[in-house]
């Protein structure tokens, strides 16, 4: 469900004019959000919480297909929906991508689709670099907080709360 992002401008201290849901791109954003959520955002969770090998493999295949689709789309454009406009769809994709190699590869068993540490997704890596180059986005990527949250919040997946040491994705992107 999309919302009118202009309603939040009055709360912003910077970039009050930023429109994450410009009306000219609304339909494209909705279409992209649908498959990004299904295949990527929720896809990592479907891998991590699968109860059977078949369910895991199906989810892993869908995740791979979604990442390939995003990589292909970003081979033609700086952002998902436009060459020049950051949108809600970009935020939706980025929050999963930035967590992927450091959290989901280990925790949710998605290591078959390594992004920054592999060479299968060069356009996703470029996109992630572009996103962390935006100061306001980079400031929200506190990987130590992200890792502590994930690795300690699901005891069925990590009974002892061990937090892996690496990789350092943020350093790789900057």
N, C-alpha and C. Protein backbone atom coordinates (compact mmCIF):
# COMPACT_ATOMS: atom_id res chain seq x y z
N UNK A 1 0.83 -1.17 0.00
CA UNK A 1 0.00 0.00 0.00
C UNK A 1 0.88 1.24 0.00
N UNK A 2 0.59 2.14 -0.91
CA UNK A 2 1.37 3.35 -1.04
C UNK A 2 0.68 4.50 -0.30
N UNK A 3 1.46 5.50 0.07
CA UNK A 3 0.94 6.66 0.78
C UNK A 3 1.45 7.90 0.09
N UNK A 4 0.87 9.03 0.45
CA UNK A 4 1.28 10.31 -0.10
C UNK A 4 2.50 10.80 0.67
N UNK A 5 3.68 10.64 0.09
CA UNK A 5 4.91 11.00 0.81
C UNK A 5 5.04 12.49 1.05
N UNK A 6 4.27 13.31 0.36
CA UNK A 6 4.34 14.76 0.59
C UNK A 6 3.85 15.13 1.98
N UNK A 7 3.08 14.26 2.61
CA UNK A 7 2.55 14.54 3.95
C UNK A 7 3.65 14.61 5.00
N UNK A 8 4.80 14.02 4.73
CA UNK A 8 5.87 13.97 5.71
C UNK A 8 6.87 15.11 5.59
N UNK A 9 6.79 15.89 4.53
CA UNK A 9 7.73 16.98 4.31
C UNK A 9 7.81 17.96 5.46
N UNK A 10 6.67 18.23 6.11
CA UNK A 10 6.66 19.20 7.21
C UNK A 10 7.45 18.71 8.43
N UNK A 11 7.73 17.41 8.51
CA UNK A 11 8.50 16.86 9.62
C UNK A 11 10.00 16.81 9.32
N UNK A 12 10.36 16.99 8.08
CA UNK A 12 11.76 16.88 7.67
C UNK A 12 12.54 18.13 8.06
N UNK A 13 13.77 17.93 8.47
CA UNK A 13 14.64 19.07 8.75
C UNK A 13 15.49 19.41 7.52
N UNK A 14 15.60 18.45 6.60
CA UNK A 14 16.31 18.64 5.33
C UNK A 14 15.47 17.97 4.24
N UNK A 15 15.69 18.37 3.03
CA UNK A 15 15.05 17.74 1.86
C UNK A 15 13.53 17.67 1.98
N UNK A 16 12.92 18.74 2.42
CA UNK A 16 11.46 18.75 2.59
C UNK A 16 10.72 18.49 1.28
N UNK A 17 11.36 18.79 0.18
CA UNK A 17 10.72 18.62 -1.13
C UNK A 17 10.85 17.20 -1.68
N UNK A 18 11.59 16.35 -1.01
CA UNK A 18 11.81 14.98 -1.49
C UNK A 18 10.49 14.24 -1.63
N UNK A 19 10.25 13.69 -2.79
CA UNK A 19 9.05 12.89 -3.07
C UNK A 19 9.48 11.47 -3.36
N UNK A 20 9.26 10.58 -2.42
CA UNK A 20 9.60 9.17 -2.63
C UNK A 20 8.53 8.45 -3.43
N UNK A 21 7.40 9.11 -3.62
CA UNK A 21 6.30 8.55 -4.37
C UNK A 21 5.74 9.58 -5.35
N UNK A 22 6.57 9.99 -6.32
CA UNK A 22 6.08 10.98 -7.29
C UNK A 22 4.94 10.39 -8.11
N UNK A 23 3.90 11.17 -8.32
CA UNK A 23 2.70 10.65 -8.99
C UNK A 23 3.00 10.07 -10.38
N UNK A 24 3.94 10.64 -11.09
CA UNK A 24 4.27 10.13 -12.43
C UNK A 24 4.87 8.73 -12.39
N UNK A 25 5.40 8.32 -11.25
CA UNK A 25 6.05 7.01 -11.14
C UNK A 25 5.27 6.02 -10.27
N UNK A 26 4.11 6.41 -9.79
CA UNK A 26 3.36 5.59 -8.84
C UNK A 26 3.09 4.18 -9.35
N UNK A 27 2.62 4.04 -10.56
CA UNK A 27 2.30 2.71 -11.08
C UNK A 27 3.56 1.84 -11.17
N UNK A 28 4.65 2.41 -11.66
CA UNK A 28 5.91 1.67 -11.75
C UNK A 28 6.41 1.28 -10.36
N UNK A 29 6.30 2.19 -9.40
CA UNK A 29 6.73 1.91 -8.02
C UNK A 29 5.90 0.75 -7.46
N UNK A 30 4.60 0.78 -7.66
CA UNK A 30 3.73 -0.29 -7.15
C UNK A 30 4.11 -1.64 -7.75
N UNK A 31 4.37 -1.67 -9.06
CA UNK A 31 4.75 -2.92 -9.73
C UNK A 31 6.08 -3.45 -9.22
N UNK A 32 7.05 -2.58 -9.07
CA UNK A 32 8.36 -2.99 -8.58
C UNK A 32 8.27 -3.42 -7.11
N UNK A 33 7.55 -2.66 -6.30
CA UNK A 33 7.39 -3.03 -4.88
C UNK A 33 6.82 -4.44 -4.73
N UNK A 34 5.89 -4.81 -5.60
CA UNK A 34 5.25 -6.12 -5.50
C UNK A 34 6.27 -7.24 -5.61
N UNK A 35 7.11 -7.23 -6.65
CA UNK A 35 8.06 -8.34 -6.80
C UNK A 35 9.28 -8.19 -5.89
N UNK A 36 9.69 -6.96 -5.57
CA UNK A 36 10.80 -6.79 -4.64
C UNK A 36 10.41 -7.33 -3.27
N UNK A 37 9.20 -7.01 -2.83
CA UNK A 37 8.76 -7.54 -1.53
C UNK A 37 8.68 -9.06 -1.57
N UNK A 38 7.99 -9.58 -2.56
CA UNK A 38 7.74 -11.02 -2.63
C UNK A 38 9.03 -11.83 -2.79
N UNK A 39 9.87 -11.42 -3.72
CA UNK A 39 11.05 -12.22 -4.04
C UNK A 39 12.28 -11.89 -3.20
N UNK A 40 12.42 -10.64 -2.77
CA UNK A 40 13.66 -10.24 -2.10
C UNK A 40 13.42 -9.96 -0.61
N UNK A 41 12.61 -8.93 -0.29
CA UNK A 41 12.40 -8.58 1.13
C UNK A 41 11.89 -9.78 1.92
N UNK A 42 10.83 -10.39 1.47
CA UNK A 42 10.27 -11.55 2.16
C UNK A 42 11.00 -12.83 1.76
N UNK A 43 11.65 -12.80 0.61
CA UNK A 43 12.37 -13.97 0.12
C UNK A 43 13.47 -14.44 1.05
N UNK A 44 14.20 -13.49 1.65
CA UNK A 44 15.25 -13.89 2.59
C UNK A 44 14.65 -14.57 3.82
N UNK A 45 13.50 -14.09 4.27
CA UNK A 45 12.82 -14.69 5.42
C UNK A 45 12.28 -16.07 5.08
N UNK A 46 11.78 -16.23 3.86
CA UNK A 46 11.29 -17.54 3.45
C UNK A 46 12.44 -18.55 3.43
N UNK A 47 13.62 -18.12 3.03
CA UNK A 47 14.80 -19.00 3.10
C UNK A 47 15.13 -19.33 4.55
N UNK A 48 15.22 -18.32 5.38
CA UNK A 48 15.66 -18.50 6.75
C UNK A 48 14.72 -19.29 7.63
N UNK A 49 13.44 -19.18 7.37
CA UNK A 49 12.47 -19.86 8.23
C UNK A 49 11.82 -21.06 7.56
N UNK A 50 12.39 -21.52 6.46
CA UNK A 50 11.86 -22.71 5.78
C UNK A 50 11.95 -23.91 6.72
N UNK A 51 10.94 -24.73 6.68
CA UNK A 51 10.89 -25.92 7.56
C UNK A 51 11.21 -27.20 6.80
N UNK A 52 11.32 -27.11 5.46
CA UNK A 52 11.68 -28.29 4.67
C UNK A 52 12.72 -27.89 3.65
N UNK A 53 13.45 -28.88 3.18
CA UNK A 53 14.45 -28.62 2.14
C UNK A 53 13.79 -28.08 0.88
N UNK A 54 12.66 -28.64 0.52
CA UNK A 54 11.95 -28.19 -0.69
C UNK A 54 11.50 -26.73 -0.55
N UNK A 55 10.95 -26.37 0.61
CA UNK A 55 10.52 -24.99 0.82
C UNK A 55 11.71 -24.04 0.74
N UNK A 56 12.84 -24.46 1.34
CA UNK A 56 14.05 -23.64 1.29
C UNK A 56 14.53 -23.46 -0.15
N UNK A 57 14.62 -24.55 -0.89
CA UNK A 57 15.13 -24.47 -2.26
C UNK A 57 14.22 -23.64 -3.16
N UNK A 58 12.93 -23.74 -2.96
CA UNK A 58 11.99 -22.91 -3.73
C UNK A 58 12.21 -21.45 -3.40
N UNK A 59 12.31 -21.14 -2.12
CA UNK A 59 12.53 -19.76 -1.70
C UNK A 59 13.88 -19.24 -2.21
N UNK A 60 14.90 -20.08 -2.16
CA UNK A 60 16.24 -19.68 -2.62
C UNK A 60 16.21 -19.36 -4.12
N UNK A 61 15.49 -20.16 -4.87
CA UNK A 61 15.36 -19.93 -6.32
C UNK A 61 14.64 -18.60 -6.58
N UNK A 62 13.57 -18.33 -5.84
CA UNK A 62 12.82 -17.08 -6.03
C UNK A 62 13.67 -15.87 -5.64
N UNK A 63 14.43 -15.99 -4.57
CA UNK A 63 15.33 -14.91 -4.16
C UNK A 63 16.36 -14.63 -5.24
N UNK A 64 16.97 -15.68 -5.75
CA UNK A 64 17.96 -15.53 -6.82
C UNK A 64 17.35 -14.83 -8.03
N UNK A 65 16.15 -15.24 -8.42
CA UNK A 65 15.48 -14.64 -9.57
C UNK A 65 15.18 -13.16 -9.31
N UNK A 66 14.76 -12.83 -8.10
CA UNK A 66 14.48 -11.44 -7.77
C UNK A 66 15.73 -10.58 -7.80
N UNK A 67 16.84 -11.09 -7.27
CA UNK A 67 18.09 -10.34 -7.30
C UNK A 67 18.59 -10.16 -8.74
N UNK A 68 18.44 -11.19 -9.54
CA UNK A 68 18.82 -11.08 -10.96
C UNK A 68 17.96 -10.05 -11.67
N UNK A 69 16.67 -10.04 -11.37
CA UNK A 69 15.76 -9.07 -11.99
C UNK A 69 16.14 -7.65 -11.59
N UNK A 70 16.43 -7.42 -10.31
CA UNK A 70 16.84 -6.10 -9.85
C UNK A 70 18.17 -5.70 -10.48
N UNK A 71 19.12 -6.62 -10.53
CA UNK A 71 20.42 -6.35 -11.14
C UNK A 71 20.25 -5.94 -12.61
N UNK A 72 19.39 -6.66 -13.33
CA UNK A 72 19.14 -6.35 -14.73
C UNK A 72 18.50 -4.96 -14.88
N UNK A 73 17.52 -4.66 -14.06
CA UNK A 73 16.86 -3.36 -14.11
C UNK A 73 17.86 -2.24 -13.82
N UNK A 74 18.73 -2.46 -12.86
CA UNK A 74 19.71 -1.44 -12.49
C UNK A 74 20.88 -1.36 -13.48
N UNK A 75 20.96 -2.28 -14.41
CA UNK A 75 21.97 -2.17 -15.47
C UNK A 75 21.58 -1.08 -16.47
N UNK A 76 20.31 -0.65 -16.41
CA UNK A 76 19.79 0.32 -17.36
C UNK A 76 19.45 1.66 -16.73
N UNK A 77 19.51 1.73 -15.40
CA UNK A 77 19.07 2.95 -14.72
C UNK A 77 19.78 3.09 -13.38
N UNK A 78 19.99 4.32 -12.96
CA UNK A 78 20.63 4.56 -11.66
C UNK A 78 19.77 4.06 -10.52
N UNK A 79 18.47 4.31 -10.59
CA UNK A 79 17.52 3.88 -9.57
C UNK A 79 16.53 2.91 -10.19
N UNK A 80 15.72 2.27 -9.37
CA UNK A 80 14.80 1.25 -9.87
C UNK A 80 13.74 1.78 -10.83
N UNK A 81 13.20 2.96 -10.55
CA UNK A 81 12.07 3.47 -11.31
C UNK A 81 12.42 4.63 -12.23
N UNK A 82 13.63 5.11 -12.12
CA UNK A 82 13.98 6.33 -12.83
C UNK A 82 15.49 6.51 -12.83
N UNK A 83 15.96 7.24 -13.80
CA UNK A 83 17.39 7.56 -13.86
C UNK A 83 17.76 8.59 -12.81
N UNK A 84 16.81 9.46 -12.47
CA UNK A 84 17.16 10.57 -11.58
C UNK A 84 16.41 10.63 -10.25
N UNK A 85 15.40 9.80 -10.03
CA UNK A 85 14.59 9.92 -8.82
C UNK A 85 14.71 8.71 -7.90
N UNK A 86 15.16 8.97 -6.69
CA UNK A 86 15.12 8.00 -5.61
C UNK A 86 13.66 7.86 -5.19
N UNK A 87 13.16 6.63 -5.06
CA UNK A 87 11.76 6.44 -4.71
C UNK A 87 11.62 5.44 -3.56
N UNK A 88 10.38 5.28 -3.14
CA UNK A 88 10.05 4.31 -2.12
C UNK A 88 10.55 2.92 -2.50
N UNK A 89 10.48 2.57 -3.76
CA UNK A 89 10.95 1.25 -4.22
C UNK A 89 12.44 1.08 -3.96
N UNK A 90 13.21 2.14 -4.11
CA UNK A 90 14.65 2.07 -3.84
C UNK A 90 14.93 1.82 -2.36
N UNK A 91 14.18 2.49 -1.51
CA UNK A 91 14.36 2.28 -0.07
C UNK A 91 14.01 0.83 0.28
N UNK A 92 12.91 0.34 -0.28
CA UNK A 92 12.47 -1.04 -0.03
C UNK A 92 13.56 -2.05 -0.41
N UNK A 93 14.16 -1.88 -1.57
CA UNK A 93 15.20 -2.80 -2.01
C UNK A 93 16.48 -2.64 -1.18
N UNK A 94 16.90 -1.41 -0.97
CA UNK A 94 18.18 -1.16 -0.32
C UNK A 94 18.26 -1.75 1.08
N UNK A 95 17.20 -1.64 1.87
CA UNK A 95 17.29 -2.11 3.26
C UNK A 95 17.55 -3.61 3.33
N UNK A 96 17.11 -4.36 2.35
CA UNK A 96 17.42 -5.79 2.32
C UNK A 96 18.82 -6.02 1.77
N UNK A 97 19.19 -5.30 0.73
CA UNK A 97 20.51 -5.49 0.14
C UNK A 97 21.63 -5.20 1.13
N UNK A 98 21.49 -4.14 1.92
CA UNK A 98 22.58 -3.75 2.81
C UNK A 98 22.78 -4.78 3.92
N UNK A 99 21.74 -5.53 4.25
CA UNK A 99 21.82 -6.56 5.29
C UNK A 99 22.22 -7.92 4.72
N UNK A 100 22.12 -8.06 3.44
CA UNK A 100 22.21 -9.39 2.82
C UNK A 100 23.49 -10.15 3.14
N UNK A 101 24.63 -9.62 2.74
CA UNK A 101 25.88 -10.38 2.89
C UNK A 101 26.30 -10.57 4.35
N UNK A 102 26.04 -9.58 5.20
CA UNK A 102 26.48 -9.68 6.60
C UNK A 102 25.51 -10.45 7.48
N UNK A 103 24.24 -10.45 7.14
CA UNK A 103 23.26 -11.11 8.00
C UNK A 103 22.60 -12.29 7.28
N UNK A 104 21.95 -12.03 6.19
CA UNK A 104 21.12 -13.06 5.57
C UNK A 104 21.92 -14.23 5.00
N UNK A 105 23.11 -13.97 4.48
CA UNK A 105 23.92 -15.08 3.94
C UNK A 105 24.18 -16.15 4.97
N UNK A 106 24.43 -15.73 6.21
CA UNK A 106 24.71 -16.69 7.28
C UNK A 106 23.41 -17.09 7.96
N UNK A 107 22.71 -16.12 8.44
CA UNK A 107 21.56 -16.35 9.32
C UNK A 107 20.38 -17.00 8.61
N UNK A 108 20.12 -16.58 7.38
CA UNK A 108 18.95 -17.09 6.64
C UNK A 108 19.35 -18.01 5.48
N UNK A 109 20.60 -18.43 5.48
CA UNK A 109 21.09 -19.41 4.50
C UNK A 109 20.94 -18.94 3.04
N UNK A 110 21.28 -17.68 2.79
CA UNK A 110 21.18 -17.15 1.42
C UNK A 110 22.56 -16.95 0.79
N UNK A 111 23.54 -17.72 1.24
CA UNK A 111 24.91 -17.55 0.76
C UNK A 111 25.07 -17.91 -0.72
N UNK A 112 24.07 -18.52 -1.31
CA UNK A 112 24.12 -18.82 -2.75
C UNK A 112 23.97 -17.55 -3.59
N UNK A 113 23.62 -16.44 -2.96
CA UNK A 113 23.39 -15.19 -3.68
C UNK A 113 24.20 -14.04 -3.12
N UNK A 114 25.42 -14.29 -2.70
CA UNK A 114 26.24 -13.21 -2.15
C UNK A 114 26.28 -12.03 -3.12
N UNK A 115 26.15 -10.83 -2.61
CA UNK A 115 26.06 -9.66 -3.48
C UNK A 115 27.41 -8.95 -3.57
N UNK A 116 27.86 -8.34 -2.48
CA UNK A 116 29.10 -7.56 -2.50
C UNK A 116 30.30 -8.48 -2.59
N UNK A 117 30.25 -9.60 -1.93
CA UNK A 117 31.38 -10.52 -1.92
C UNK A 117 31.49 -11.40 -3.14
N UNK A 118 30.54 -11.33 -4.03
CA UNK A 118 30.58 -12.15 -5.24
C UNK A 118 30.74 -11.26 -6.46
N UNK A 119 30.57 -11.85 -7.62
CA UNK A 119 30.68 -11.05 -8.85
C UNK A 119 29.46 -11.25 -9.76
N UNK A 120 28.37 -11.76 -9.19
CA UNK A 120 27.17 -12.01 -9.99
C UNK A 120 26.28 -10.79 -10.16
N UNK A 121 26.43 -9.79 -9.29
CA UNK A 121 25.49 -8.68 -9.26
C UNK A 121 26.20 -7.31 -9.29
N UNK A 122 26.94 -7.02 -10.35
CA UNK A 122 27.70 -5.76 -10.38
C UNK A 122 26.82 -4.51 -10.31
N UNK A 123 25.62 -4.58 -10.86
CA UNK A 123 24.75 -3.41 -10.85
C UNK A 123 24.11 -3.19 -9.49
N UNK A 124 23.88 -4.27 -8.75
CA UNK A 124 23.40 -4.13 -7.37
C UNK A 124 24.49 -3.51 -6.51
N UNK A 125 25.74 -3.91 -6.72
CA UNK A 125 26.85 -3.34 -5.94
C UNK A 125 26.99 -1.85 -6.26
N UNK A 126 26.93 -1.49 -7.52
CA UNK A 126 27.01 -0.06 -7.90
C UNK A 126 25.87 0.71 -7.26
N UNK A 127 24.68 0.15 -7.29
CA UNK A 127 23.50 0.77 -6.70
C UNK A 127 23.69 0.96 -5.18
N UNK A 128 24.19 -0.06 -4.51
CA UNK A 128 24.44 0.05 -3.08
C UNK A 128 25.47 1.14 -2.79
N UNK A 129 26.50 1.24 -3.62
CA UNK A 129 27.50 2.31 -3.44
C UNK A 129 26.84 3.67 -3.61
N UNK A 130 26.00 3.79 -4.63
CA UNK A 130 25.29 5.06 -4.85
C UNK A 130 24.40 5.41 -3.67
N UNK A 131 23.75 4.40 -3.12
CA UNK A 131 22.85 4.64 -1.98
C UNK A 131 23.62 5.05 -0.73
N UNK A 132 24.72 4.37 -0.41
CA UNK A 132 25.48 4.75 0.79
C UNK A 132 26.25 6.06 0.60
N UNK A 133 26.37 6.50 -0.63
CA UNK A 133 26.98 7.81 -0.89
C UNK A 133 26.03 8.94 -0.46
N UNK A 134 24.76 8.63 -0.30
CA UNK A 134 23.78 9.61 0.19
C UNK A 134 23.91 9.64 1.71
N UNK A 135 24.38 10.75 2.23
CA UNK A 135 24.70 10.84 3.66
C UNK A 135 23.53 10.41 4.55
N UNK A 136 22.33 10.84 4.21
CA UNK A 136 21.17 10.53 5.04
C UNK A 136 20.87 9.03 5.05
N UNK A 137 21.18 8.35 3.97
CA UNK A 137 21.01 6.90 3.92
C UNK A 137 22.13 6.22 4.70
N UNK A 138 23.36 6.64 4.44
CA UNK A 138 24.53 6.03 5.10
C UNK A 138 24.40 6.10 6.62
N UNK A 139 23.90 7.20 7.15
CA UNK A 139 23.77 7.35 8.60
C UNK A 139 22.81 6.34 9.21
N UNK A 140 21.94 5.77 8.42
CA UNK A 140 21.00 4.77 8.95
C UNK A 140 21.57 3.36 8.92
N UNK A 141 22.73 3.19 8.32
CA UNK A 141 23.33 1.86 8.15
C UNK A 141 24.35 1.59 9.25
N UNK A 142 23.88 1.34 10.42
CA UNK A 142 24.76 1.06 11.56
C UNK A 142 24.80 -0.47 11.68
N UNK A 143 25.74 -1.04 10.98
CA UNK A 143 25.77 -2.50 10.83
C UNK A 143 25.91 -3.23 12.16
N UNK A 144 26.61 -2.65 13.10
CA UNK A 144 26.73 -3.33 14.40
C UNK A 144 25.35 -3.47 15.04
N UNK A 145 24.50 -2.47 14.94
CA UNK A 145 23.15 -2.56 15.49
C UNK A 145 22.32 -3.59 14.73
N UNK A 146 22.44 -3.56 13.42
CA UNK A 146 21.69 -4.50 12.58
C UNK A 146 22.06 -5.93 12.94
N UNK A 147 23.36 -6.19 13.03
CA UNK A 147 23.82 -7.56 13.32
C UNK A 147 23.40 -8.02 14.71
N UNK A 148 23.56 -7.16 15.70
CA UNK A 148 23.16 -7.54 17.06
C UNK A 148 21.67 -7.87 17.08
N UNK A 149 20.88 -7.05 16.44
CA UNK A 149 19.43 -7.31 16.41
C UNK A 149 19.12 -8.68 15.81
N UNK A 150 19.59 -8.91 14.61
CA UNK A 150 19.25 -10.17 13.94
C UNK A 150 19.79 -11.39 14.67
N UNK A 151 21.06 -11.34 15.02
CA UNK A 151 21.70 -12.53 15.58
C UNK A 151 21.27 -12.85 17.02
N UNK A 152 20.55 -11.92 17.65
CA UNK A 152 20.11 -12.20 19.02
C UNK A 152 18.59 -12.26 19.16
N UNK A 153 17.84 -11.95 18.10
CA UNK A 153 16.39 -11.88 18.24
C UNK A 153 15.63 -13.15 17.87
N UNK A 154 16.30 -14.13 17.32
CA UNK A 154 15.64 -15.37 16.93
C UNK A 154 16.41 -16.55 17.53
N UNK A 155 16.18 -16.86 18.80
CA UNK A 155 16.97 -17.92 19.44
C UNK A 155 16.84 -19.28 18.77
N UNK A 156 15.77 -19.52 18.04
CA UNK A 156 15.66 -20.81 17.34
C UNK A 156 16.68 -20.92 16.22
N UNK A 157 17.14 -19.78 15.71
CA UNK A 157 18.14 -19.79 14.64
C UNK A 157 19.57 -19.66 15.17
N UNK A 158 19.72 -19.08 16.37
CA UNK A 158 21.05 -18.81 16.91
C UNK A 158 20.96 -18.86 18.44
N UNK A 159 20.88 -20.06 18.96
CA UNK A 159 20.61 -20.28 20.39
C UNK A 159 21.58 -19.55 21.32
N UNK A 160 22.83 -19.37 20.91
CA UNK A 160 23.82 -18.75 21.79
C UNK A 160 24.05 -17.27 21.50
N UNK A 161 23.35 -16.71 20.51
CA UNK A 161 23.48 -15.29 20.22
C UNK A 161 24.85 -14.88 19.74
N UNK A 162 25.56 -15.77 19.06
CA UNK A 162 26.89 -15.46 18.53
C UNK A 162 26.73 -14.53 17.34
N UNK A 163 27.52 -13.45 17.33
CA UNK A 163 27.46 -12.47 16.24
C UNK A 163 28.72 -12.63 15.40
N UNK A 164 28.57 -13.02 14.12
CA UNK A 164 29.74 -13.22 13.26
C UNK A 164 30.59 -11.96 13.11
N UNK A 165 31.85 -12.15 12.87
CA UNK A 165 32.81 -11.06 12.77
C UNK A 165 32.70 -10.31 11.44
N UNK A 166 32.50 -10.98 10.34
CA UNK A 166 32.55 -10.28 9.06
C UNK A 166 31.51 -10.75 8.11
N UNK A 167 31.51 -10.30 6.90
CA UNK A 167 32.38 -9.33 6.25
C UNK A 167 31.96 -7.90 6.58
N UNK A 168 32.78 -6.93 6.20
CA UNK A 168 32.46 -5.53 6.45
C UNK A 168 31.96 -4.92 5.14
N UNK A 169 30.68 -5.06 4.90
CA UNK A 169 30.08 -4.61 3.64
C UNK A 169 30.17 -3.10 3.48
N UNK A 170 29.91 -2.35 4.54
CA UNK A 170 29.97 -0.89 4.43
C UNK A 170 31.35 -0.41 3.98
N UNK A 171 32.40 -1.01 4.52
CA UNK A 171 33.76 -0.64 4.11
C UNK A 171 33.98 -0.97 2.63
N UNK A 172 33.45 -2.09 2.19
CA UNK A 172 33.58 -2.49 0.78
C UNK A 172 32.89 -1.53 -0.16
N UNK A 173 31.83 -0.87 0.31
CA UNK A 173 31.04 0.02 -0.55
C UNK A 173 31.57 1.44 -0.58
N UNK A 174 32.41 1.78 0.39
CA UNK A 174 32.86 3.19 0.46
C UNK A 174 34.23 3.38 -0.11
